[in-house]
Amino acid sequence: MAQDRVPVGEALTGLSLHPLPDGWTALTCIVLVKCLDDQGHPSWAFRTAGGMNDEELLGALTVRTDILRRRLLQDYGSP
């Protein structure tokens, strides 16, 4: 069942994020949230704030994945 959108702060009550740099304006976001479902089991929820097309979403996730992969290889790749 689709629900009406709510402000990010309301949807993620109790969580906090690092702020954007001074002078930056948020336009849209993607959020991956680890949560407990209604039966107390760990689960994942993926949400978007709209305003991002599929190509932008894929690009953002690809770049973030590549950055994380490089960092993990640097941290664990060499003894």
Protein backbone atom coordinates (compact mmCIF):
# COMPACT_ATOMS: atom_id res chain seq x y z
CA MET A 1 0.00 0.00 0.00
CA ALA A 2 1.46 3.35 -1.05
CA GLN A 3 1.66 6.02 1.62
CA ASP A 4 1.82 9.77 1.36
CA ARG A 5 5.31 11.24 1.57
CA VAL A 6 6.44 12.74 4.87
CA PRO A 7 9.44 14.98 5.68
CA VAL A 8 12.75 13.08 5.91
CA GLY A 9 13.17 13.99 9.57
CA GLU A 10 9.76 12.55 10.33
CA ALA A 11 10.39 9.35 8.35
CA LEU A 12 13.76 8.78 10.04
CA THR A 13 12.85 9.77 13.58
CA GLY A 14 15.71 9.14 16.00
CA LEU A 15 18.46 9.05 13.36
CA SER A 16 20.91 11.83 12.60
CA LEU A 17 23.12 12.66 9.61
CA HIS A 18 26.10 14.90 9.03
CA PRO A 19 24.85 18.24 7.67
CA LEU A 20 25.52 19.49 4.17
CA PRO A 21 28.30 22.07 3.80
CA ASP A 22 27.33 25.71 4.40
CA GLY A 23 25.62 27.23 1.38
CA TRP A 24 24.52 23.88 -0.13
CA THR A 25 20.82 23.22 -0.80
CA ALA A 26 19.36 19.71 -0.71
CA LEU A 27 17.41 18.82 -3.87
CA THR A 28 16.70 15.11 -3.53
CA CYS A 29 18.06 12.04 -1.77
CA ILE A 30 18.28 8.28 -1.72
CA VAL A 31 18.18 6.53 1.62
CA LEU A 32 19.00 2.95 2.55
CA VAL A 33 17.82 2.23 6.08
CA LYS A 34 18.57 -0.81 8.19
CA CYS A 35 15.58 -1.31 10.44
CA LEU A 36 13.62 -3.81 12.44
CA ASP A 37 10.40 -4.92 10.77
CA ASP A 38 7.08 -5.18 12.58
CA GLN A 39 8.09 -8.60 13.93
CA GLY A 40 11.49 -7.43 15.19
CA HIS A 41 13.57 -8.94 12.37
CA PRO A 42 16.40 -6.92 10.76
CA SER A 43 15.43 -5.70 7.33
CA TRP A 44 16.31 -3.02 4.77
CA ALA A 45 14.17 -0.22 3.36
CA PHE A 46 15.12 1.85 0.31
CA ARG A 47 13.48 5.23 -0.20
CA THR A 48 13.89 8.17 -2.56
CA ALA A 49 12.72 11.74 -2.17
CA GLY A 50 11.77 12.05 -5.83
CA GLY A 51 13.29 14.34 -8.40
CA MET A 52 15.96 11.83 -9.44
CA ASN A 53 15.64 9.82 -12.64
CA ASP A 54 16.80 6.21 -12.97
CA GLU A 55 20.02 7.19 -14.78
CA GLU A 56 21.02 9.59 -11.97
CA LEU A 57 20.15 6.97 -9.36
CA LEU A 58 22.22 4.30 -11.11
CA GLY A 59 25.15 6.71 -11.53
CA ALA A 60 25.10 7.76 -7.87
CA LEU A 61 24.94 4.17 -6.63
CA THR A 62 27.67 3.05 -9.04
CA VAL A 63 30.05 5.83 -7.99
CA ARG A 64 29.40 5.19 -4.29
CA THR A 65 29.94 1.44 -4.79
CA ASP A 66 33.23 2.04 -6.61
CA ILE A 67 34.48 4.39 -3.86
CA LEU A 68 33.58 1.87 -1.16
CA ARG A 69 35.17 -1.00 -3.11
CA ARG A 70 38.45 0.97 -3.44
CA ARG A 71 38.46 1.84 0.25
CA LEU A 72 37.87 -1.78 1.26
CA LEU A 73 40.61 -3.00 -1.07
CA GLN A 74 43.03 -0.44 0.41
CA ASP A 75 42.09 -1.42 3.96
CA TYR A 76 42.14 -5.19 3.48
CA GLY A 77 43.88 -5.87 0.19
CA SER A 78 47.52 -5.59 1.28
CA PRO A 79 49.09 -7.09 4.43
